[in-house]
mmCIF file of all heavy atoms, coordinates in Angstrom:
data_MODEL
# 
_entry.id   MODEL 
# 
loop_
_atom_site.group_PDB 
_atom_site.id 
_atom_site.type_symbol 
_atom_site.label_atom_id 
_atom_site.label_alt_id 
_atom_site.label_comp_id 
_atom_site.label_asym_id 
_atom_site.label_entity_id 
_atom_site.label_seq_id 
_atom_site.pdbx_PDB_ins_code 
_atom_site.Cartn_x 
_atom_site.Cartn_y 
_atom_site.Cartn_z 
_atom_site.occupancy 
_atom_site.B_iso_or_equiv 
_atom_site.pdbx_formal_charge 
_atom_site.auth_seq_id 
_atom_site.auth_comp_id 
_atom_site.auth_asym_id 
_atom_site.auth_atom_id 
_atom_site.pdbx_PDB_model_num 
ATOM 1   N N   . THR A 1 1  ? 6.675   -4.090 7.644  1.00 0.00 ? 1  THR A N   1 
ATOM 2   C CA  . THR A 1 1  ? 5.283   -3.703 7.815  1.00 0.00 ? 1  THR A CA  1 
ATOM 3   C C   . THR A 1 1  ? 4.272   -4.596 7.128  1.00 0.00 ? 1  THR A C   1 
ATOM 4   O O   . THR A 1 1  ? 3.130   -4.211 6.939  1.00 0.00 ? 1  THR A O   1 
ATOM 5   C CB  . THR A 1 1  ? 5.287   -2.264 7.226  1.00 0.00 ? 1  THR A CB  1 
ATOM 6   O OG1 . THR A 1 1  ? 5.647   -2.266 5.897  1.00 0.00 ? 1  THR A OG1 1 
ATOM 7   C CG2 . THR A 1 1  ? 6.006   -1.321 8.078  1.00 0.00 ? 1  THR A CG2 1 
ATOM 8   N N   . ASN A 1 2  ? 4.802   -5.656 6.617  1.00 0.00 ? 2  ASN A N   1 
ATOM 9   C CA  . ASN A 1 2  ? 3.964   -6.629 5.808  1.00 0.00 ? 2  ASN A CA  1 
ATOM 10  C C   . ASN A 1 2  ? 3.302   -5.989 4.679  1.00 0.00 ? 2  ASN A C   1 
ATOM 11  O O   . ASN A 1 2  ? 2.095   -6.112 4.324  1.00 0.00 ? 2  ASN A O   1 
ATOM 12  C CB  . ASN A 1 2  ? 2.812   -7.269 6.733  1.00 0.00 ? 2  ASN A CB  1 
ATOM 13  C CG  . ASN A 1 2  ? 2.943   -8.695 6.871  1.00 0.00 ? 2  ASN A CG  1 
ATOM 14  O OD1 . ASN A 1 2  ? 3.821   -9.315 6.277  1.00 0.00 ? 2  ASN A OD1 1 
ATOM 15  N ND2 . ASN A 1 2  ? 2.053   -9.322 7.584  1.00 0.00 ? 2  ASN A ND2 1 
ATOM 16  N N   . SER A 1 3  ? 4.022   -5.161 3.973  1.00 0.00 ? 3  SER A N   1 
ATOM 17  C CA  . SER A 1 3  ? 3.487   -4.343 2.687  1.00 0.00 ? 3  SER A CA  1 
ATOM 18  C C   . SER A 1 3  ? 4.354   -4.659 1.654  1.00 0.00 ? 3  SER A C   1 
ATOM 19  O O   . SER A 1 3  ? 5.336   -5.492 1.730  1.00 0.00 ? 3  SER A O   1 
ATOM 20  C CB  . SER A 1 3  ? 3.445   -2.927 3.102  1.00 0.00 ? 3  SER A CB  1 
ATOM 21  O OG  . SER A 1 3  ? 4.743   -2.385 3.288  1.00 0.00 ? 3  SER A OG  1 
ATOM 22  N N   . ALA A 1 4  ? 4.024   -4.055 0.423  1.00 0.00 ? 4  ALA A N   1 
ATOM 23  C CA  . ALA A 1 4  ? 4.805   -4.148 -0.778 1.00 0.00 ? 4  ALA A CA  1 
ATOM 24  C C   . ALA A 1 4  ? 5.112   -2.714 -1.137 1.00 0.00 ? 4  ALA A C   1 
ATOM 25  O O   . ALA A 1 4  ? 4.378   -1.871 -1.119 1.00 0.00 ? 4  ALA A O   1 
ATOM 26  C CB  . ALA A 1 4  ? 4.062   -4.853 -1.884 1.00 0.00 ? 4  ALA A CB  1 
ATOM 27  N N   . TRP A 1 5  ? 6.367   -2.412 -1.665 1.00 0.00 ? 5  TRP A N   1 
ATOM 28  C CA  . TRP A 1 5  ? 6.620   -1.288 -2.105 1.00 0.00 ? 5  TRP A CA  1 
ATOM 29  C C   . TRP A 1 5  ? 6.383   -1.305 -3.744 1.00 0.00 ? 5  TRP A C   1 
ATOM 30  O O   . TRP A 1 5  ? 6.805   -2.137 -4.368 1.00 0.00 ? 5  TRP A O   1 
ATOM 31  C CB  . TRP A 1 5  ? 8.047   -0.624 -1.873 1.00 0.00 ? 5  TRP A CB  1 
ATOM 32  C CG  . TRP A 1 5  ? 9.229   -1.223 -2.356 1.00 0.00 ? 5  TRP A CG  1 
ATOM 33  C CD1 . TRP A 1 5  ? 9.934   -2.348 -1.791 1.00 0.00 ? 5  TRP A CD1 1 
ATOM 34  C CD2 . TRP A 1 5  ? 10.052  -0.941 -3.466 1.00 0.00 ? 5  TRP A CD2 1 
ATOM 35  N NE1 . TRP A 1 5  ? 10.970  -2.599 -2.410 1.00 0.00 ? 5  TRP A NE1 1 
ATOM 36  C CE2 . TRP A 1 5  ? 11.185  -1.776 -3.473 1.00 0.00 ? 5  TRP A CE2 1 
ATOM 37  C CE3 . TRP A 1 5  ? 9.871   0.038  -4.542 1.00 0.00 ? 5  TRP A CE3 1 
ATOM 38  C CZ2 . TRP A 1 5  ? 12.026  -1.702 -4.589 1.00 0.00 ? 5  TRP A CZ2 1 
ATOM 39  C CZ3 . TRP A 1 5  ? 10.761  0.210  -5.512 1.00 0.00 ? 5  TRP A CZ3 1 
ATOM 40  C CH2 . TRP A 1 5  ? 11.847  -0.610 -5.545 1.00 0.00 ? 5  TRP A CH2 1 
ATOM 41  N N   . VAL A 1 6  ? 5.466   -0.363 -4.108 1.00 0.00 ? 6  VAL A N   1 
ATOM 42  C CA  . VAL A 1 6  ? 4.984   -0.385 -5.411 1.00 0.00 ? 6  VAL A CA  1 
ATOM 43  C C   . VAL A 1 6  ? 5.541   0.658  -6.385 1.00 0.00 ? 6  VAL A C   1 
ATOM 44  O O   . VAL A 1 6  ? 5.262   0.760  -7.599 1.00 0.00 ? 6  VAL A O   1 
ATOM 45  C CB  . VAL A 1 6  ? 3.385   -0.337 -5.446 1.00 0.00 ? 6  VAL A CB  1 
ATOM 46  C CG1 . VAL A 1 6  ? 2.913   -1.533 -4.730 1.00 0.00 ? 6  VAL A CG1 1 
ATOM 47  C CG2 . VAL A 1 6  ? 2.947   0.889  -4.700 1.00 0.00 ? 6  VAL A CG2 1 
ATOM 48  N N   . GLY A 1 7  ? 6.302   1.562  -5.802 1.00 0.00 ? 7  GLY A N   1 
ATOM 49  C CA  . GLY A 1 7  ? 6.956   2.659  -6.632 1.00 0.00 ? 7  GLY A CA  1 
ATOM 50  C C   . GLY A 1 7  ? 8.061   3.421  -5.892 1.00 0.00 ? 7  GLY A C   1 
ATOM 51  O O   . GLY A 1 7  ? 7.956   3.347  -4.669 1.00 0.00 ? 7  GLY A O   1 
ATOM 52  N N   . MET A 1 8  ? 8.985   3.908  -6.613 1.00 0.00 ? 8  MET A N   1 
ATOM 53  C CA  . MET A 1 8  ? 10.003  4.770  -5.943 1.00 0.00 ? 8  MET A CA  1 
ATOM 54  C C   . MET A 1 8  ? 10.491  5.853  -6.947 1.00 0.00 ? 8  MET A C   1 
ATOM 55  O O   . MET A 1 8  ? 10.746  5.622  -8.020 1.00 0.00 ? 8  MET A O   1 
ATOM 56  C CB  . MET A 1 8  ? 11.195  3.957  -5.554 1.00 0.00 ? 8  MET A CB  1 
ATOM 57  C CG  . MET A 1 8  ? 12.284  4.709  -4.823 1.00 0.00 ? 8  MET A CG  1 
ATOM 58  S SD  . MET A 1 8  ? 13.725  3.639  -4.429 1.00 0.00 ? 8  MET A SD  1 
ATOM 59  C CE  . MET A 1 8  ? 13.031  2.365  -3.436 1.00 0.00 ? 8  MET A CE  1 
ATOM 60  N N   . VAL A 1 9  ? 10.267  6.973  -6.498 1.00 0.00 ? 9  VAL A N   1 
ATOM 61  C CA  . VAL A 1 9  ? 10.871  8.213  -7.117 1.00 0.00 ? 9  VAL A CA  1 
ATOM 62  C C   . VAL A 1 9  ? 11.775  8.989  -6.308 1.00 0.00 ? 9  VAL A C   1 
ATOM 63  O O   . VAL A 1 9  ? 11.293  9.524  -5.191 1.00 0.00 ? 9  VAL A O   1 
ATOM 64  C CB  . VAL A 1 9  ? 9.657   9.206  -7.569 1.00 0.00 ? 9  VAL A CB  1 
ATOM 65  C CG1 . VAL A 1 9  ? 10.099  10.325 -8.369 1.00 0.00 ? 9  VAL A CG1 1 
ATOM 66  C CG2 . VAL A 1 9  ? 8.638   8.307  -8.500 1.00 0.00 ? 9  VAL A CG2 1 
ATOM 67  N N   . GLY A 1 10 ? 12.948  9.041  -6.614 1.00 0.00 ? 10 GLY A N   1 
ATOM 68  C CA  . GLY A 1 10 ? 14.001  9.683  -5.844 1.00 0.00 ? 10 GLY A CA  1 
ATOM 69  C C   . GLY A 1 10 ? 14.113  8.903  -4.549 1.00 0.00 ? 10 GLY A C   1 
ATOM 70  O O   . GLY A 1 10 ? 14.491  7.720  -4.484 1.00 0.00 ? 10 GLY A O   1 
ATOM 71  N N   . PHE A 1 11 ? 13.985  9.758  -3.467 1.00 0.00 ? 11 PHE A N   1 
ATOM 72  C CA  . PHE A 1 11 ? 14.003  9.184  -2.226 1.00 0.00 ? 11 PHE A CA  1 
ATOM 73  C C   . PHE A 1 11 ? 12.613  8.876  -1.482 1.00 0.00 ? 11 PHE A C   1 
ATOM 74  O O   . PHE A 1 11 ? 12.499  8.741  -0.226 1.00 0.00 ? 11 PHE A O   1 
ATOM 75  C CB  . PHE A 1 11 ? 14.836  10.050 -1.200 1.00 0.00 ? 11 PHE A CB  1 
ATOM 76  C CG  . PHE A 1 11 ? 16.245  10.291 -1.647 1.00 0.00 ? 11 PHE A CG  1 
ATOM 77  C CD1 . PHE A 1 11 ? 16.640  11.335 -2.358 1.00 0.00 ? 11 PHE A CD1 1 
ATOM 78  C CD2 . PHE A 1 11 ? 17.193  9.321  -1.499 1.00 0.00 ? 11 PHE A CD2 1 
ATOM 79  C CE1 . PHE A 1 11 ? 17.856  11.547 -2.720 1.00 0.00 ? 11 PHE A CE1 1 
ATOM 80  C CE2 . PHE A 1 11 ? 18.395  9.452  -1.849 1.00 0.00 ? 11 PHE A CE2 1 
ATOM 81  C CZ  . PHE A 1 11 ? 18.851  10.541 -2.584 1.00 0.00 ? 11 PHE A CZ  1 
ATOM 82  N N   . VAL A 1 12 ? 11.545  8.875  -2.342 1.00 0.00 ? 12 VAL A N   1 
ATOM 83  C CA  . VAL A 1 12 ? 10.142  8.601  -1.830 1.00 0.00 ? 12 VAL A CA  1 
ATOM 84  C C   . VAL A 1 12 ? 9.770   7.288  -2.355 1.00 0.00 ? 12 VAL A C   1 
ATOM 85  O O   . VAL A 1 12 ? 9.707   7.049  -3.507 1.00 0.00 ? 12 VAL A O   1 
ATOM 86  C CB  . VAL A 1 12 ? 9.243   9.689  -2.287 1.00 0.00 ? 12 VAL A CB  1 
ATOM 87  C CG1 . VAL A 1 12 ? 7.816   9.428  -1.859 1.00 0.00 ? 12 VAL A CG1 1 
ATOM 88  C CG2 . VAL A 1 12 ? 9.760   11.049 -1.828 1.00 0.00 ? 12 VAL A CG2 1 
ATOM 89  N N   . VAL A 1 13 ? 9.450   6.285  -1.397 1.00 0.00 ? 13 VAL A N   1 
ATOM 90  C CA  . VAL A 1 13 ? 8.932   4.979  -1.705 1.00 0.00 ? 13 VAL A CA  1 
ATOM 91  C C   . VAL A 1 13 ? 7.376   4.999  -1.373 1.00 0.00 ? 13 VAL A C   1 
ATOM 92  O O   . VAL A 1 13 ? 6.882   5.555  -0.470 1.00 0.00 ? 13 VAL A O   1 
ATOM 93  C CB  . VAL A 1 13 ? 9.743   3.889  -1.066 1.00 0.00 ? 13 VAL A CB  1 
ATOM 94  C CG1 . VAL A 1 13 ? 9.502   4.024  0.495  1.00 0.00 ? 13 VAL A CG1 1 
ATOM 95  C CG2 . VAL A 1 13 ? 9.270   2.538  -1.358 1.00 0.00 ? 13 VAL A CG2 1 
ATOM 96  N N   . THR A 1 14 ? 6.700   4.367  -2.315 1.00 0.00 ? 14 THR A N   1 
ATOM 97  C CA  . THR A 1 14 ? 5.243   4.163  -2.186 1.00 0.00 ? 14 THR A CA  1 
ATOM 98  C C   . THR A 1 14 ? 4.852   2.716  -1.773 1.00 0.00 ? 14 THR A C   1 
ATOM 99  O O   . THR A 1 14 ? 5.422   1.868  -2.442 1.00 0.00 ? 14 THR A O   1 
ATOM 100 C CB  . THR A 1 14 ? 4.532   4.492  -3.524 1.00 0.00 ? 14 THR A CB  1 
ATOM 101 O OG1 . THR A 1 14 ? 4.792   5.803  -3.894 1.00 0.00 ? 14 THR A OG1 1 
ATOM 102 C CG2 . THR A 1 14 ? 2.993   4.372  -3.311 1.00 0.00 ? 14 THR A CG2 1 
ATOM 103 N N   . LEU A 1 15 ? 4.334   2.650  -0.600 1.00 0.00 ? 15 LEU A N   1 
ATOM 104 C CA  . LEU A 1 15 ? 3.966   1.335  0.060  1.00 0.00 ? 15 LEU A CA  1 
ATOM 105 C C   . LEU A 1 15 ? 2.458   1.077  -0.040 1.00 0.00 ? 15 LEU A C   1 
ATOM 106 O O   . LEU A 1 15 ? 1.713   1.944  0.147  1.00 0.00 ? 15 LEU A O   1 
ATOM 107 C CB  . LEU A 1 15 ? 4.360   1.378  1.481  1.00 0.00 ? 15 LEU A CB  1 
ATOM 108 C CG  . LEU A 1 15 ? 5.913   1.521  1.771  1.00 0.00 ? 15 LEU A CG  1 
ATOM 109 C CD1 . LEU A 1 15 ? 6.157   1.710  3.279  1.00 0.00 ? 15 LEU A CD1 1 
ATOM 110 C CD2 . LEU A 1 15 ? 6.737   0.281  1.383  1.00 0.00 ? 15 LEU A CD2 1 
ATOM 111 N N   . TYR A 1 16 ? 2.252   -0.198 -0.324 1.00 0.00 ? 16 TYR A N   1 
ATOM 112 C CA  . TYR A 1 16 ? 0.699   -0.566 -0.280 1.00 0.00 ? 16 TYR A CA  1 
ATOM 113 C C   . TYR A 1 16 ? 0.498   -1.898 0.450  1.00 0.00 ? 16 TYR A C   1 
ATOM 114 O O   . TYR A 1 16 ? 1.390   -2.778 0.569  1.00 0.00 ? 16 TYR A O   1 
ATOM 115 C CB  . TYR A 1 16 ? 0.391   -0.947 -1.671 1.00 0.00 ? 16 TYR A CB  1 
ATOM 116 C CG  . TYR A 1 16 ? -1.007  -1.714 -1.765 1.00 0.00 ? 16 TYR A CG  1 
ATOM 117 C CD1 . TYR A 1 16 ? -2.084  -0.821 -1.707 1.00 0.00 ? 16 TYR A CD1 1 
ATOM 118 C CD2 . TYR A 1 16 ? -1.131  -2.917 -2.006 1.00 0.00 ? 16 TYR A CD2 1 
ATOM 119 C CE1 . TYR A 1 16 ? -3.472  -1.385 -1.701 1.00 0.00 ? 16 TYR A CE1 1 
ATOM 120 C CE2 . TYR A 1 16 ? -2.491  -3.501 -2.043 1.00 0.00 ? 16 TYR A CE2 1 
ATOM 121 C CZ  . TYR A 1 16 ? -3.562  -2.760 -1.944 1.00 0.00 ? 16 TYR A CZ  1 
ATOM 122 O OH  . TYR A 1 16 ? -4.737  -3.260 -1.857 1.00 0.00 ? 16 TYR A OH  1 
ATOM 123 N N   . ARG A 1 17 ? -0.435  -1.757 1.272  1.00 0.00 ? 17 ARG A N   1 
ATOM 124 C CA  . ARG A 1 17 ? -0.935  -2.968 2.168  1.00 0.00 ? 17 ARG A CA  1 
ATOM 125 C C   . ARG A 1 17 ? -2.423  -2.996 2.067  1.00 0.00 ? 17 ARG A C   1 
ATOM 126 O O   . ARG A 1 17 ? -3.206  -2.005 2.554  1.00 0.00 ? 17 ARG A O   1 
ATOM 127 C CB  . ARG A 1 17 ? -0.388  -3.042 3.530  1.00 0.00 ? 17 ARG A CB  1 
ATOM 128 C CG  . ARG A 1 17 ? -0.793  -4.283 4.281  1.00 0.00 ? 17 ARG A CG  1 
ATOM 129 C CD  . ARG A 1 17 ? -0.160  -4.350 5.680  1.00 0.00 ? 17 ARG A CD  1 
ATOM 130 N NE  . ARG A 1 17 ? -0.702  -3.254 6.471  1.00 0.00 ? 17 ARG A NE  1 
ATOM 131 C CZ  . ARG A 1 17 ? -0.164  -2.880 7.594  1.00 0.00 ? 17 ARG A CZ  1 
ATOM 132 N NH1 . ARG A 1 17 ? 0.996   -3.348 7.955  1.00 0.00 ? 17 ARG A NH1 1 
ATOM 133 N NH2 . ARG A 1 17 ? -0.668  -1.897 8.312  1.00 0.00 ? 17 ARG A NH2 1 
ATOM 134 N N   . GLN A 1 18 ? -3.160  -4.123 1.639  1.00 0.00 ? 18 GLN A N   1 
ATOM 135 C CA  . GLN A 1 18 ? -4.556  -4.157 1.560  1.00 0.00 ? 18 GLN A CA  1 
ATOM 136 C C   . GLN A 1 18 ? -5.073  -4.254 2.930  1.00 0.00 ? 18 GLN A C   1 
ATOM 137 O O   . GLN A 1 18 ? -4.602  -4.913 3.810  1.00 0.00 ? 18 GLN A O   1 
ATOM 138 C CB  . GLN A 1 18 ? -4.916  -5.385 0.751  1.00 0.00 ? 18 GLN A CB  1 
ATOM 139 C CG  . GLN A 1 18 ? -6.358  -5.419 0.409  1.00 0.00 ? 18 GLN A CG  1 
ATOM 140 C CD  . GLN A 1 18 ? -6.817  -6.644 -0.448 1.00 0.00 ? 18 GLN A CD  1 
ATOM 141 O OE1 . GLN A 1 18 ? -6.216  -7.797 -0.205 1.00 0.00 ? 18 GLN A OE1 1 
ATOM 142 N NE2 . GLN A 1 18 ? -7.548  -6.362 -1.457 1.00 0.00 ? 18 GLN A NE2 1 
ATOM 143 N N   . GLN A 1 19 ? -6.186  -3.489 3.111  1.00 0.00 ? 19 GLN A N   1 
ATOM 144 C CA  . GLN A 1 19 ? -6.973  -3.556 4.426  1.00 0.00 ? 19 GLN A CA  1 
ATOM 145 C C   . GLN A 1 19 ? -7.517  -4.855 4.670  1.00 0.00 ? 19 GLN A C   1 
ATOM 146 O O   . GLN A 1 19 ? -8.039  -5.414 3.660  1.00 0.00 ? 19 GLN A O   1 
ATOM 147 C CB  . GLN A 1 19 ? -8.035  -2.398 4.279  1.00 0.00 ? 19 GLN A CB  1 
ATOM 148 C CG  . GLN A 1 19 ? -8.942  -2.350 5.521  1.00 0.00 ? 19 GLN A CG  1 
ATOM 149 C CD  . GLN A 1 19 ? -8.252  -2.092 6.761  1.00 0.00 ? 19 GLN A CD  1 
ATOM 150 O OE1 . GLN A 1 19 ? -8.262  -2.893 7.629  1.00 0.00 ? 19 GLN A OE1 1 
ATOM 151 N NE2 . GLN A 1 19 ? -7.822  -0.866 7.026  1.00 0.00 ? 19 GLN A NE2 1 
ATOM 152 N N   . GLU A 1 20 ? -7.450  -5.371 5.803  1.00 0.00 ? 20 GLU A N   1 
ATOM 153 C CA  . GLU A 1 20 ? -7.977  -6.706 6.116  1.00 0.00 ? 20 GLU A CA  1 
ATOM 154 C C   . GLU A 1 20 ? -9.507  -6.820 5.966  1.00 0.00 ? 20 GLU A C   1 
ATOM 155 O O   . GLU A 1 20 ? -10.051 -7.756 5.716  1.00 0.00 ? 20 GLU A O   1 
ATOM 156 C CB  . GLU A 1 20 ? -7.384  -7.223 7.482  1.00 0.00 ? 20 GLU A CB  1 
ATOM 157 C CG  . GLU A 1 20 ? -5.928  -7.451 7.482  1.00 0.00 ? 20 GLU A CG  1 
ATOM 158 C CD  . GLU A 1 20 ? -5.405  -7.872 8.871  1.00 0.00 ? 20 GLU A CD  1 
ATOM 159 O OE1 . GLU A 1 20 ? -6.223  -8.049 9.859  1.00 0.00 ? 20 GLU A OE1 1 
ATOM 160 O OE2 . GLU A 1 20 ? -4.247  -7.855 8.977  1.00 0.00 ? 20 GLU A OE2 1 
ATOM 161 N N   . ASP A 1 21 ? -10.058 -5.683 6.536  1.00 0.00 ? 21 ASP A N   1 
ATOM 162 C CA  . ASP A 1 21 ? -11.532 -5.560 6.597  1.00 0.00 ? 21 ASP A CA  1 
ATOM 163 C C   . ASP A 1 21 ? -12.045 -5.217 5.216  1.00 0.00 ? 21 ASP A C   1 
ATOM 164 O O   . ASP A 1 21 ? -11.795 -3.964 4.791  1.00 0.00 ? 21 ASP A O   1 
ATOM 165 C CB  . ASP A 1 21 ? -11.965 -4.546 7.642  1.00 0.00 ? 21 ASP A CB  1 
ATOM 166 C CG  . ASP A 1 21 ? -13.453 -4.547 7.789  1.00 0.00 ? 21 ASP A CG  1 
ATOM 167 O OD1 . ASP A 1 21 ? -14.218 -5.282 6.967  1.00 0.00 ? 21 ASP A OD1 1 
ATOM 168 O OD2 . ASP A 1 21 ? -13.912 -3.869 8.693  1.00 0.00 ? 21 ASP A OD2 1 
ATOM 169 N N   . PRO A 1 22 ? -12.792 -6.005 4.458  1.00 0.00 ? 22 PRO A N   1 
ATOM 170 C CA  . PRO A 1 22 ? -13.263 -5.686 3.099  1.00 0.00 ? 22 PRO A CA  1 
ATOM 171 C C   . PRO A 1 22 ? -14.167 -4.308 3.121  1.00 0.00 ? 22 PRO A C   1 
ATOM 172 O O   . PRO A 1 22 ? -14.114 -3.705 2.131  1.00 0.00 ? 22 PRO A O   1 
ATOM 173 C CB  . PRO A 1 22 ? -14.036 -6.823 2.721  1.00 0.00 ? 22 PRO A CB  1 
ATOM 174 C CG  . PRO A 1 22 ? -13.505 -8.073 3.600  1.00 0.00 ? 22 PRO A CG  1 
ATOM 175 C CD  . PRO A 1 22 ? -13.064 -7.425 4.832  1.00 0.00 ? 22 PRO A CD  1 
ATOM 176 N N   . GLU A 1 23 ? -14.831 -4.091 4.270  1.00 0.00 ? 23 GLU A N   1 
ATOM 177 C CA  . GLU A 1 23 ? -15.699 -2.987 4.190  1.00 0.00 ? 23 GLU A CA  1 
ATOM 178 C C   . GLU A 1 23 ? -14.941 -1.747 4.363  1.00 0.00 ? 23 GLU A C   1 
ATOM 179 O O   . GLU A 1 23 ? -15.391 -0.602 3.945  1.00 0.00 ? 23 GLU A O   1 
ATOM 180 C CB  . GLU A 1 23 ? -16.678 -3.051 5.489  1.00 0.00 ? 23 GLU A CB  1 
ATOM 181 C CG  . GLU A 1 23 ? -17.736 -4.199 5.111  1.00 0.00 ? 23 GLU A CG  1 
ATOM 182 C CD  . GLU A 1 23 ? -18.771 -4.319 6.288  1.00 0.00 ? 23 GLU A CD  1 
ATOM 183 O OE1 . GLU A 1 23 ? -18.735 -3.342 7.128  1.00 0.00 ? 23 GLU A OE1 1 
ATOM 184 O OE2 . GLU A 1 23 ? -19.527 -5.251 6.275  1.00 0.00 ? 23 GLU A OE2 1 
ATOM 185 N N   . LYS A 1 24 ? -13.645 -1.633 4.792  1.00 0.00 ? 24 LYS A N   1 
ATOM 186 C CA  . LYS A 1 24 ? -12.810 -0.540 5.040  1.00 0.00 ? 24 LYS A CA  1 
ATOM 187 C C   . LYS A 1 24 ? -11.802 -0.373 3.736  1.00 0.00 ? 24 LYS A C   1 
ATOM 188 O O   . LYS A 1 24 ? -11.147 0.752  3.816  1.00 0.00 ? 24 LYS A O   1 
ATOM 189 C CB  . LYS A 1 24 ? -12.048 -0.659 6.267  1.00 0.00 ? 24 LYS A CB  1 
ATOM 190 C CG  . LYS A 1 24 ? -13.061 -0.542 7.498  1.00 0.00 ? 24 LYS A CG  1 
ATOM 191 C CD  . LYS A 1 24 ? -12.011 -0.630 8.750  1.00 0.00 ? 24 LYS A CD  1 
ATOM 192 C CE  . LYS A 1 24 ? -12.899 -0.682 10.034 1.00 0.00 ? 24 LYS A CE  1 
ATOM 193 N NZ  . LYS A 1 24 ? -12.050 -0.643 11.247 1.00 0.00 ? 24 LYS A NZ  1 
ATOM 194 N N   . ARG A 1 25 ? -11.809 -1.200 2.764  1.00 0.00 ? 25 ARG A N   1 
ATOM 195 C CA  . ARG A 1 25 ? -10.990 -1.098 1.750  1.00 0.00 ? 25 ARG A CA  1 
ATOM 196 C C   . ARG A 1 25 ? -11.231 0.102  0.902  1.00 0.00 ? 25 ARG A C   1 
ATOM 197 O O   . ARG A 1 25 ? -12.412 0.442  0.444  1.00 0.00 ? 25 ARG A O   1 
ATOM 198 C CB  . ARG A 1 25 ? -10.947 -2.262 0.965  1.00 0.00 ? 25 ARG A CB  1 
ATOM 199 C CG  . ARG A 1 25 ? -10.281 -3.393 1.685  1.00 0.00 ? 25 ARG A CG  1 
ATOM 200 C CD  . ARG A 1 25 ? -10.156 -4.649 0.716  1.00 0.00 ? 25 ARG A CD  1 
ATOM 201 N NE  . ARG A 1 25 ? -9.708  -5.772 1.572  1.00 0.00 ? 25 ARG A NE  1 
ATOM 202 C CZ  . ARG A 1 25 ? -9.990  -7.092 1.245  1.00 0.00 ? 25 ARG A CZ  1 
ATOM 203 N NH1 . ARG A 1 25 ? -10.677 -7.351 0.283  1.00 0.00 ? 25 ARG A NH1 1 
ATOM 204 N NH2 . ARG A 1 25 ? -9.475  -8.014 2.084  1.00 0.00 ? 25 ARG A NH2 1 
ATOM 205 N N   . THR A 1 26 ? -10.271 0.854  0.537  1.00 0.00 ? 26 THR A N   1 
ATOM 206 C CA  . THR A 1 26 ? -10.526 2.157  -0.423 1.00 0.00 ? 26 THR A CA  1 
ATOM 207 C C   . THR A 1 26 ? -9.906  1.918  -1.662 1.00 0.00 ? 26 THR A C   1 
ATOM 208 O O   . THR A 1 26 ? -10.263 2.618  -2.633 1.00 0.00 ? 26 THR A O   1 
ATOM 209 C CB  . THR A 1 26 ? -9.898  3.352  0.273  1.00 0.00 ? 26 THR A CB  1 
ATOM 210 O OG1 . THR A 1 26 ? -8.482  3.112  0.471  1.00 0.00 ? 26 THR A OG1 1 
ATOM 211 C CG2 . THR A 1 26 ? -10.532 3.660  1.682  1.00 0.00 ? 26 THR A CG2 1 
ATOM 212 N N   . ILE A 1 27 ? -9.090  0.856  -1.916 1.00 0.00 ? 27 ILE A N   1 
ATOM 213 C CA  . ILE A 1 27 ? -8.561  0.591  -3.233 1.00 0.00 ? 27 ILE A CA  1 
ATOM 214 C C   . ILE A 1 27 ? -9.122  -0.665 -3.734 1.00 0.00 ? 27 ILE A C   1 
ATOM 215 O O   . ILE A 1 27 ? -8.955  -1.840 -3.030 1.00 0.00 ? 27 ILE A O   1 
ATOM 216 C CB  . ILE A 1 27 ? -7.003  0.634  -3.114 1.00 0.00 ? 27 ILE A CB  1 
ATOM 217 C CG1 . ILE A 1 27 ? -6.526  2.109  -2.544 1.00 0.00 ? 27 ILE A CG1 1 
ATOM 218 C CG2 . ILE A 1 27 ? -6.345  0.308  -4.422 1.00 0.00 ? 27 ILE A CG2 1 
ATOM 219 C CD1 . ILE A 1 27 ? -5.080  2.076  -2.286 1.00 0.00 ? 27 ILE A CD1 1 
ATOM 220 N N   . GLU A 1 28 ? -9.605  -0.709 -4.907 1.00 0.00 ? 28 GLU A N   1 
ATOM 221 C CA  . GLU A 1 28 ? -10.137 -2.015 -5.602 1.00 0.00 ? 28 GLU A CA  1 
ATOM 222 C C   . GLU A 1 28 ? -9.082  -2.419 -6.611 1.00 0.00 ? 28 GLU A C   1 
ATOM 223 O O   . GLU A 1 28 ? -8.624  -1.692 -7.491 1.00 0.00 ? 28 GLU A O   1 
ATOM 224 C CB  . GLU A 1 28 ? -11.396 -1.777 -6.202 1.00 0.00 ? 28 GLU A CB  1 
ATOM 225 C CG  . GLU A 1 28 ? -12.582 -1.386 -5.305 1.00 0.00 ? 28 GLU A CG  1 
ATOM 226 C CD  . GLU A 1 28 ? -12.876 -2.525 -4.395 1.00 0.00 ? 28 GLU A CD  1 
ATOM 227 O OE1 . GLU A 1 28 ? -12.769 -3.712 -4.911 1.00 0.00 ? 28 GLU A OE1 1 
ATOM 228 O OE2 . GLU A 1 28 ? -13.165 -2.294 -3.239 1.00 0.00 ? 28 GLU A OE2 1 
# 
């Protein structure tokens, strides 16, 4: 998915991928 997994707790993985469009980014 071209992302990075940034955390894992039990069987839940948290994935992050920066939005390509700077105007649509919600995470700074």
